[in-house]
């Protein structure tokens, strides 16, 4: 389900850890997706901030699949959906 939702909402997706963290701090994010095969030291910041801000955090199994769902040719460690 997760990959499909990301694909359907591609126009509202923020890709990458830095951009996701920035948007979360600005209050622009409704939910976050994190790839299990991404570097945990990098993604842990997103997980911690999501818990702090009560943003739903979903796990997916593959950076490559998450990147493809986002419409990019490389893997994505994190992706976030902007609020409407």
PDB file of N, CA and C in Angstrom:
ATOM      1  N   UNK A   1       0.818  -1.208   0.000  1.00  0.00           N
ATOM      2  CA  UNK A   1       0.000   0.000   0.000  1.00  0.00           C
ATOM      3  C   UNK A   1       0.850   1.255   0.000  1.00  0.00           C
ATOM      4  N   UNK A   2       1.936   1.246   0.710  1.00  0.00           N
ATOM      5  CA  UNK A   2       2.747   2.447   0.876  1.00  0.00           C
ATOM      6  C   UNK A   2       3.274   2.987  -0.446  1.00  0.00           C
ATOM      7  N   UNK A   3       3.838   2.098  -1.271  1.00  0.00           N
ATOM      8  CA  UNK A   3       4.391   2.563  -2.540  1.00  0.00           C
ATOM      9  C   UNK A   3       3.302   3.144  -3.429  1.00  0.00           C
ATOM     10  N   UNK A   4       2.124   2.523  -3.423  1.00  0.00           N
ATOM     11  CA  UNK A   4       1.027   3.007  -4.244  1.00  0.00           C
ATOM     12  C   UNK A   4       0.586   4.403  -3.816  1.00  0.00           C
ATOM     13  N   UNK A   5       0.522   4.622  -2.512  1.00  0.00           N
ATOM     14  CA  UNK A   5       0.110   5.938  -2.012  1.00  0.00           C
ATOM     15  C   UNK A   5       1.119   7.006  -2.414  1.00  0.00           C
ATOM     16  N   UNK A   6       2.399   6.679  -2.315  1.00  0.00           N
ATOM     17  CA  UNK A   6       3.441   7.628  -2.725  1.00  0.00           C
ATOM     18  C   UNK A   6       3.296   7.939  -4.215  1.00  0.00           C
ATOM     19  N   UNK A   7       3.065   6.910  -5.020  1.00  0.00           N
ATOM     20  CA  UNK A   7       2.915   7.114  -6.463  1.00  0.00           C
ATOM     21  C   UNK A   7       1.698   7.979  -6.769  1.00  0.00           C
ATOM     22  N   UNK A   8       0.585   7.729  -6.085  1.00  0.00           N
ATOM     23  CA  UNK A   8      -0.642   8.491  -6.321  1.00  0.00           C
ATOM     24  C   UNK A   8      -0.491   9.956  -5.924  1.00  0.00           C
ATOM     25  N   UNK A   9       0.286  10.222  -4.887  1.00  0.00           N
ATOM     26  CA  UNK A   9       0.431  11.587  -4.378  1.00  0.00           C
ATOM     27  C   UNK A   9       1.764  12.222  -4.792  1.00  0.00           C
ATOM     28  N   UNK A  10       2.299  11.791  -5.915  1.00  0.00           N
ATOM     29  CA  UNK A  10       3.625  12.221  -6.363  1.00  0.00           C
ATOM     30  C   UNK A  10       3.770  13.739  -6.421  1.00  0.00           C
ATOM     31  N   UNK A  11       2.709  14.455  -6.728  1.00  0.00           N
ATOM     32  CA  UNK A  11       2.795  15.916  -6.819  1.00  0.00           C
ATOM     33  C   UNK A  11       2.993  16.566  -5.451  1.00  0.00           C
ATOM     34  N   UNK A  12       2.725  15.822  -4.367  1.00  0.00           N
ATOM     35  CA  UNK A  12       2.867  16.363  -3.012  1.00  0.00           C
ATOM     36  C   UNK A  12       4.038  15.733  -2.255  1.00  0.00           C
ATOM     37  N   UNK A  13       4.957  15.078  -2.965  1.00  0.00           N
ATOM     38  CA  UNK A  13       6.049  14.342  -2.326  1.00  0.00           C
ATOM     39  C   UNK A  13       7.285  15.213  -2.158  1.00  0.00           C
ATOM     40  N   UNK A  14       7.914  15.065  -1.019  1.00  0.00           N
ATOM     41  CA  UNK A  14       9.229  15.645  -0.766  1.00  0.00           C
ATOM     42  C   UNK A  14      10.174  14.458  -0.624  1.00  0.00           C
ATOM     43  N   UNK A  15      11.290  14.510  -1.357  1.00  0.00           N
ATOM     44  CA  UNK A  15      12.213  13.378  -1.406  1.00  0.00           C
ATOM     45  C   UNK A  15      13.523  13.748  -0.722  1.00  0.00           C
ATOM     46  N   UNK A  16      14.031  12.829   0.096  1.00  0.00           N
ATOM     47  CA  UNK A  16      15.343  13.008   0.711  1.00  0.00           C
ATOM     48  C   UNK A  16      15.260  13.453   2.156  1.00  0.00           C
ATOM     49  N   UNK A  17      16.293  13.108   2.891  1.00  0.00           N
ATOM     50  CA  UNK A  17      16.311  13.349   4.326  1.00  0.00           C
ATOM     51  C   UNK A  17      16.354  14.836   4.674  1.00  0.00           C
ATOM     52  N   UNK A  18      17.256  15.583   4.046  1.00  0.00           N
ATOM     53  CA  UNK A  18      17.383  17.015   4.371  1.00  0.00           C
ATOM     54  C   UNK A  18      16.087  17.773   4.108  1.00  0.00           C
ATOM     55  N   UNK A  19      15.512  17.538   2.926  1.00  0.00           N
ATOM     56  CA  UNK A  19      14.284  18.238   2.564  1.00  0.00           C
ATOM     57  C   UNK A  19      13.128  17.812   3.462  1.00  0.00           C
ATOM     58  N   UNK A  20      13.082  16.532   3.810  1.00  0.00           N
ATOM     59  CA  UNK A  20      12.030  16.028   4.685  1.00  0.00           C
ATOM     60  C   UNK A  20      12.127  16.663   6.065  1.00  0.00           C
ATOM     61  N   UNK A  21      13.332  16.705   6.627  1.00  0.00           N
ATOM     62  CA  UNK A  21      13.516  17.312   7.950  1.00  0.00           C
ATOM     63  C   UNK A  21      13.102  18.779   7.947  1.00  0.00           C
ATOM     64  N   UNK A  22      13.507  19.502   6.924  1.00  0.00           N
ATOM     65  CA  UNK A  22      13.172  20.929   6.823  1.00  0.00           C
ATOM     66  C   UNK A  22      11.657  21.135   6.758  1.00  0.00           C
ATOM     67  N   UNK A  23      11.002  20.346   5.914  1.00  0.00           N
ATOM     68  CA  UNK A  23       9.552  20.478   5.764  1.00  0.00           C
ATOM     69  C   UNK A  23       8.819  20.066   7.036  1.00  0.00           C
ATOM     70  N   UNK A  24       9.326  19.052   7.738  1.00  0.00           N
ATOM     71  CA  UNK A  24       8.712  18.628   8.995  1.00  0.00           C
ATOM     72  C   UNK A  24       8.801  19.746  10.029  1.00  0.00           C
ATOM     73  N   UNK A  25       9.952  20.390  10.116  1.00  0.00           N
ATOM     74  CA  UNK A  25      10.131  21.488  11.071  1.00  0.00           C
ATOM     75  C   UNK A  25       9.217  22.668  10.753  1.00  0.00           C
ATOM     76  N   UNK A  26       8.897  22.838   9.463  1.00  0.00           N
ATOM     77  CA  UNK A  26       8.003  23.915   9.045  1.00  0.00           C
ATOM     78  C   UNK A  26       6.529  23.558   9.197  1.00  0.00           C
ATOM     79  N   UNK A  27       6.247  22.314   9.585  1.00  0.00           N
ATOM     80  CA  UNK A  27       4.860  21.894   9.774  1.00  0.00           C
ATOM     81  C   UNK A  27       4.128  21.575   8.491  1.00  0.00           C
ATOM     82  N   UNK A  28       4.878  21.244   7.426  1.00  0.00           N
ATOM     83  CA  UNK A  28       4.279  21.020   6.111  1.00  0.00           C
ATOM     84  C   UNK A  28       3.960  19.567   5.797  1.00  0.00           C
ATOM     85  N   UNK A  29       4.265  18.630   6.696  1.00  0.00           N
ATOM     86  CA  UNK A  29       4.217  17.211   6.373  1.00  0.00           C
ATOM     87  C   UNK A  29       3.069  16.503   7.093  1.00  0.00           C
ATOM     88  N   UNK A  30       2.371  15.621   6.357  1.00  0.00           N
ATOM     89  CA  UNK A  30       1.294  14.837   6.962  1.00  0.00           C
ATOM     90  C   UNK A  30       1.735  13.419   7.310  1.00  0.00           C
ATOM     91  N   UNK A  31       2.697  12.862   6.552  1.00  0.00           N
ATOM     92  CA  UNK A  31       3.229  11.544   6.859  1.00  0.00           C
ATOM     93  C   UNK A  31       4.578  11.342   6.187  1.00  0.00           C
ATOM     94  N   UNK A  32       5.345  10.378   6.732  1.00  0.00           N
ATOM     95  CA  UNK A  32       6.712  10.134   6.277  1.00  0.00           C
ATOM     96  C   UNK A  32       6.890   8.659   5.939  1.00  0.00           C
ATOM     97  N   UNK A  33       7.711   8.392   4.923  1.00  0.00           N
ATOM     98  CA  UNK A  33       8.064   7.030   4.523  1.00  0.00           C
ATOM     99  C   UNK A  33       9.573   6.875   4.618  1.00  0.00           C
ATOM    100  N   UNK A  34      10.014   5.788   5.237  1.00  0.00           N
ATOM    101  CA  UNK A  34      11.440   5.537   5.436  1.00  0.00           C
ATOM    102  C   UNK A  34      11.778   4.148   4.919  1.00  0.00           C
ATOM    103  N   UNK A  35      12.853   4.057   4.121  1.00  0.00           N
ATOM    104  CA  UNK A  35      13.295   2.778   3.576  1.00  0.00           C
ATOM    105  C   UNK A  35      14.112   2.034   4.625  1.00  0.00           C
ATOM    106  N   UNK A  36      13.784   0.762   4.840  1.00  0.00           N
ATOM    107  CA  UNK A  36      14.492  -0.056   5.831  1.00  0.00           C
ATOM    108  C   UNK A  36      15.944  -0.310   5.468  1.00  0.00           C
ATOM    109  N   UNK A  37      16.255  -0.281   4.163  1.00  0.00           N
ATOM    110  CA  UNK A  37      17.633  -0.552   3.759  1.00  0.00           C
ATOM    111  C   UNK A  37      18.496   0.708   3.669  1.00  0.00           C
ATOM    112  N   UNK A  38      17.970   1.833   4.129  1.00  0.00           N
ATOM    113  CA  UNK A  38      18.743   3.082   4.160  1.00  0.00           C
ATOM    114  C   UNK A  38      19.624   3.114   5.405  1.00  0.00           C
ATOM    115  N   UNK A  39      20.616   3.981   5.388  1.00  0.00           N
ATOM    116  CA  UNK A  39      21.524   4.147   6.522  1.00  0.00           C
ATOM    117  C   UNK A  39      20.738   4.624   7.742  1.00  0.00           C
ATOM    118  N   UNK A  40      20.757   3.823   8.795  1.00  0.00           N
ATOM    119  CA  UNK A  40      19.995   4.138  10.000  1.00  0.00           C
ATOM    120  C   UNK A  40      20.432   5.417  10.694  1.00  0.00           C
ATOM    121  N   UNK A  41      21.713   5.754  10.594  1.00  0.00           N
ATOM    122  CA  UNK A  41      22.192   6.998  11.217  1.00  0.00           C
ATOM    123  C   UNK A  41      21.555   8.211  10.552  1.00  0.00           C
ATOM    124  N   UNK A  42      21.305   8.097   9.275  1.00  0.00           N
ATOM    125  CA  UNK A  42      20.698   9.214   8.538  1.00  0.00           C
ATOM    126  C   UNK A  42      19.193   9.273   8.800  1.00  0.00           C
ATOM    127  N   UNK A  43      18.532   8.135   8.710  1.00  0.00           N
ATOM    128  CA  UNK A  43      17.069   8.135   8.826  1.00  0.00           C
ATOM    129  C   UNK A  43      16.578   8.284  10.261  1.00  0.00           C
ATOM    130  N   UNK A  44      17.415   8.007  11.235  1.00  0.00           N
ATOM    131  CA  UNK A  44      16.990   8.093  12.633  1.00  0.00           C
ATOM    132  C   UNK A  44      16.560   9.506  13.003  1.00  0.00           C
ATOM    133  N   UNK A  45      17.191  10.519  12.412  1.00  0.00           N
ATOM    134  CA  UNK A  45      16.793  11.909  12.672  1.00  0.00           C
ATOM    135  C   UNK A  45      15.350  12.150  12.247  1.00  0.00           C
ATOM    136  N   UNK A  46      14.978  11.563  11.115  1.00  0.00           N
ATOM    137  CA  UNK A  46      13.612  11.713  10.614  1.00  0.00           C
ATOM    138  C   UNK A  46      12.638  10.982  11.539  1.00  0.00           C
ATOM    139  N   UNK A  47      13.001   9.768  11.950  1.00  0.00           N
ATOM    140  CA  UNK A  47      12.160   8.986  12.855  1.00  0.00           C
ATOM    141  C   UNK A  47      11.937   9.743  14.163  1.00  0.00           C
ATOM    142  N   UNK A  48      13.017  10.266  14.730  1.00  0.00           N
ATOM    143  CA  UNK A  48      12.922  10.987  16.010  1.00  0.00           C
ATOM    144  C   UNK A  48      12.035  12.221  15.893  1.00  0.00           C
ATOM    145  N   UNK A  49      12.230  13.004  14.830  1.00  0.00           N
ATOM    146  CA  UNK A  49      11.427  14.214  14.661  1.00  0.00           C
ATOM    147  C   UNK A  49       9.961  13.864  14.398  1.00  0.00           C
ATOM    148  N   UNK A  50       9.716  12.800  13.647  1.00  0.00           N
ATOM    149  CA  UNK A  50       8.337  12.376  13.384  1.00  0.00           C
ATOM    150  C   UNK A  50       7.632  12.002  14.687  1.00  0.00           C
ATOM    151  N   UNK A  51       8.346  11.283  15.555  1.00  0.00           N
ATOM    152  CA  UNK A  51       7.758  10.927  16.856  1.00  0.00           C
ATOM    153  C   UNK A  51       7.492  12.171  17.691  1.00  0.00           C
ATOM    154  N   UNK A  52       8.436  13.093  17.681  1.00  0.00           N
ATOM    155  CA  UNK A  52       8.299  14.331  18.457  1.00  0.00           C
ATOM    156  C   UNK A  52       7.113  15.163  17.989  1.00  0.00           C
ATOM    157  N   UNK A  53       6.895  15.186  16.671  1.00  0.00           N
ATOM    158  CA  UNK A  53       5.829  16.009  16.098  1.00  0.00           C
ATOM    159  C   UNK A  53       4.539  15.227  15.837  1.00  0.00           C
ATOM    160  N   UNK A  54       4.506  13.951  16.261  1.00  0.00           N
ATOM    161  CA  UNK A  54       3.339  13.087  16.053  1.00  0.00           C
ATOM    162  C   UNK A  54       2.938  12.969  14.591  1.00  0.00           C
ATOM    163  N   UNK A  55       3.937  12.792  13.739  1.00  0.00           N
ATOM    164  CA  UNK A  55       3.710  12.582  12.316  1.00  0.00           C
ATOM    165  C   UNK A  55       3.783  11.078  12.056  1.00  0.00           C
ATOM    166  N   UNK A  56       2.777  10.497  11.395  1.00  0.00           N
ATOM    167  CA  UNK A  56       2.827   9.057  11.098  1.00  0.00           C
ATOM    168  C   UNK A  56       4.067   8.711  10.273  1.00  0.00           C
ATOM    169  N   UNK A  57       4.752   7.658  10.675  1.00  0.00           N
ATOM    170  CA  UNK A  57       5.998   7.239  10.044  1.00  0.00           C
ATOM    171  C   UNK A  57       5.827   5.806   9.550  1.00  0.00           C
ATOM    172  N   UNK A  58       5.913   5.623   8.237  1.00  0.00           N
ATOM    173  CA  UNK A  58       5.710   4.316   7.627  1.00  0.00           C
ATOM    174  C   UNK A  58       7.042   3.763   7.140  1.00  0.00           C
ATOM    175  N   UNK A  59       7.230   2.455   7.307  1.00  0.00           N
ATOM    176  CA  UNK A  59       8.449   1.778   6.845  1.00  0.00           C
ATOM    177  C   UNK A  59       8.158   1.064   5.531  1.00  0.00           C
ATOM    178  N   UNK A  60       9.095   1.182   4.606  1.00  0.00           N
ATOM    179  CA  UNK A  60       9.049   0.417   3.363  1.00  0.00           C
ATOM    180  C   UNK A  60      10.353  -0.358   3.253  1.00  0.00           C
ATOM    181  N   UNK A  61      10.377  -1.408   2.450  1.00  0.00           N
ATOM    182  CA  UNK A  61      11.537  -2.290   2.457  1.00  0.00           C
ATOM    183  C   UNK A  61      12.697  -1.851   1.577  1.00  0.00           C
ATOM    184  N   UNK A  62      12.480  -0.981   0.598  1.00  0.00           N
ATOM    185  CA  UNK A  62      13.519  -0.727  -0.390  1.00  0.00           C
ATOM    186  C   UNK A  62      13.658   0.738  -0.778  1.00  0.00           C
ATOM    187  N   UNK A  63      14.896   1.233  -0.730  1.00  0.00           N
ATOM    188  CA  UNK A  63      15.189   2.583  -1.209  1.00  0.00           C
ATOM    189  C   UNK A  63      14.898   2.685  -2.706  1.00  0.00           C
ATOM    190  N   UNK A  64      15.279   1.652  -3.447  1.00  0.00           N
ATOM    191  CA  UNK A  64      15.094   1.657  -4.891  1.00  0.00           C
ATOM    192  C   UNK A  64      13.614   1.758  -5.252  1.00  0.00           C
ATOM    193  N   UNK A  65      12.772   0.953  -4.584  1.00  0.00           N
ATOM    194  CA  UNK A  65      11.331   0.982  -4.849  1.00  0.00           C
ATOM    195  C   UNK A  65      10.718   2.312  -4.415  1.00  0.00           C
ATOM    196  N   UNK A  66      11.190   2.863  -3.294  1.00  0.00           N
ATOM    197  CA  UNK A  66      10.671   4.156  -2.838  1.00  0.00           C
ATOM    198  C   UNK A  66      11.041   5.256  -3.827  1.00  0.00           C
ATOM    199  N   UNK A  67      12.268   5.231  -4.318  1.00  0.00           N
ATOM    200  CA  UNK A  67      12.675   6.207  -5.336  1.00  0.00           C
ATOM    201  C   UNK A  67      11.828   6.085  -6.593  1.00  0.00           C
ATOM    202  N   UNK A  68      11.594   4.853  -7.028  1.00  0.00           N
ATOM    203  CA  UNK A  68      10.763   4.631  -8.224  1.00  0.00           C
ATOM    204  C   UNK A  68       9.348   5.139  -8.004  1.00  0.00           C
ATOM    205  N   UNK A  69       8.791   4.901  -6.814  1.00  0.00           N
ATOM    206  CA  UNK A  69       7.437   5.391  -6.501  1.00  0.00           C
ATOM    207  C   UNK A  69       7.384   6.915  -6.519  1.00  0.00           C
ATOM    208  N   UNK A  70       8.510   7.541  -6.169  1.00  0.00           N
ATOM    209  CA  UNK A  70       8.598   9.007  -6.176  1.00  0.00           C
ATOM    210  C   UNK A  70       8.852   9.566  -7.573  1.00  0.00           C
ATOM    211  N   UNK A  71       9.163   8.682  -8.516  1.00  0.00           N
ATOM    212  CA  UNK A  71       9.407   9.119  -9.887  1.00  0.00           C
ATOM    213  C   UNK A  71      10.842   9.514 -10.168  1.00  0.00           C
ATOM    214  N   UNK A  72      11.793   9.003  -9.380  1.00  0.00           N
ATOM    215  CA  UNK A  72      13.204   9.294  -9.623  1.00  0.00           C
ATOM    216  C   UNK A  72      13.938   7.995  -9.957  1.00  0.00           C
ATOM    217  N   UNK A  73      15.095   8.135 -10.599  1.00  0.00           N
ATOM    218  CA  UNK A  73      15.848   6.974 -11.076  1.00  0.00           C
ATOM    219  C   UNK A  73      16.826   6.417 -10.050  1.00  0.00           C
ATOM    220  N   UNK A  74      16.901   7.018  -8.885  1.00  0.00           N
ATOM    221  CA  UNK A  74      17.804   6.554  -7.831  1.00  0.00           C
ATOM    222  C   UNK A  74      16.991   6.225  -6.585  1.00  0.00           C
ATOM    223  N   UNK A  75      17.618   5.554  -5.644  1.00  0.00           N
ATOM    224  CA  UNK A  75      16.927   5.214  -4.410  1.00  0.00           C
ATOM    225  C   UNK A  75      16.662   6.436  -3.553  1.00  0.00           C
ATOM    226  N   UNK A  76      15.650   6.350  -2.725  1.00  0.00           N
ATOM    227  CA  UNK A  76      15.308   7.416  -1.782  1.00  0.00           C
ATOM    228  C   UNK A  76      15.266   6.825  -0.381  1.00  0.00           C
ATOM    229  N   UNK A  77      16.022   7.415   0.537  1.00  0.00           N
ATOM    230  CA  UNK A  77      16.022   6.917   1.912  1.00  0.00           C
ATOM    231  C   UNK A  77      14.755   7.324   2.640  1.00  0.00           C
ATOM    232  N   UNK A  78      14.293   8.532   2.354  1.00  0.00           N
ATOM    233  CA  UNK A  78      13.047   9.008   2.954  1.00  0.00           C
ATOM    234  C   UNK A  78      12.220   9.780   1.925  1.00  0.00           C
ATOM    235  N   UNK A  79      10.930   9.773   2.151  1.00  0.00           N
ATOM    236  CA  UNK A  79      10.010  10.591   1.350  1.00  0.00           C
ATOM    237  C   UNK A  79       8.900  11.042   2.297  1.00  0.00           C
ATOM    238  N   UNK A  80       8.360  12.188   2.026  1.00  0.00           N
ATOM    239  CA  UNK A  80       7.300  12.719   2.888  1.00  0.00           C
ATOM    240  C   UNK A  80       6.174  13.279   2.014  1.00  0.00           C
ATOM    241  N   UNK A  81       4.976  13.231   2.553  1.00  0.00           N
ATOM    242  CA  UNK A  81       3.816  13.775   1.857  1.00  0.00           C
ATOM    243  C   UNK A  81       3.433  15.105   2.501  1.00  0.00           C
ATOM    244  N   UNK A  82       3.376  16.129   1.658  1.00  0.00           N
ATOM    245  CA  UNK A  82       3.001  17.451   2.137  1.00  0.00           C
ATOM    246  C   UNK A  82       1.511  17.511   2.457  1.00  0.00           C
ATOM    247  N   UNK A  83       1.181  18.304   3.455  1.00  0.00           N
ATOM    248  CA  UNK A  83      -0.225  18.542   3.782  1.00  0.00           C
ATOM    249  C   UNK A  83      -0.869  19.290   2.622  1.00  0.00           C
ATOM    250  N   UNK A  84      -2.179  19.111   2.477  1.00  0.00           N
ATOM    251  CA  UNK A  84      -2.896  19.811   1.412  1.00  0.00           C
ATOM    252  C   UNK A  84      -3.160  21.226   1.783  1.00  0.00           C
TER     253      UNK A  84
END
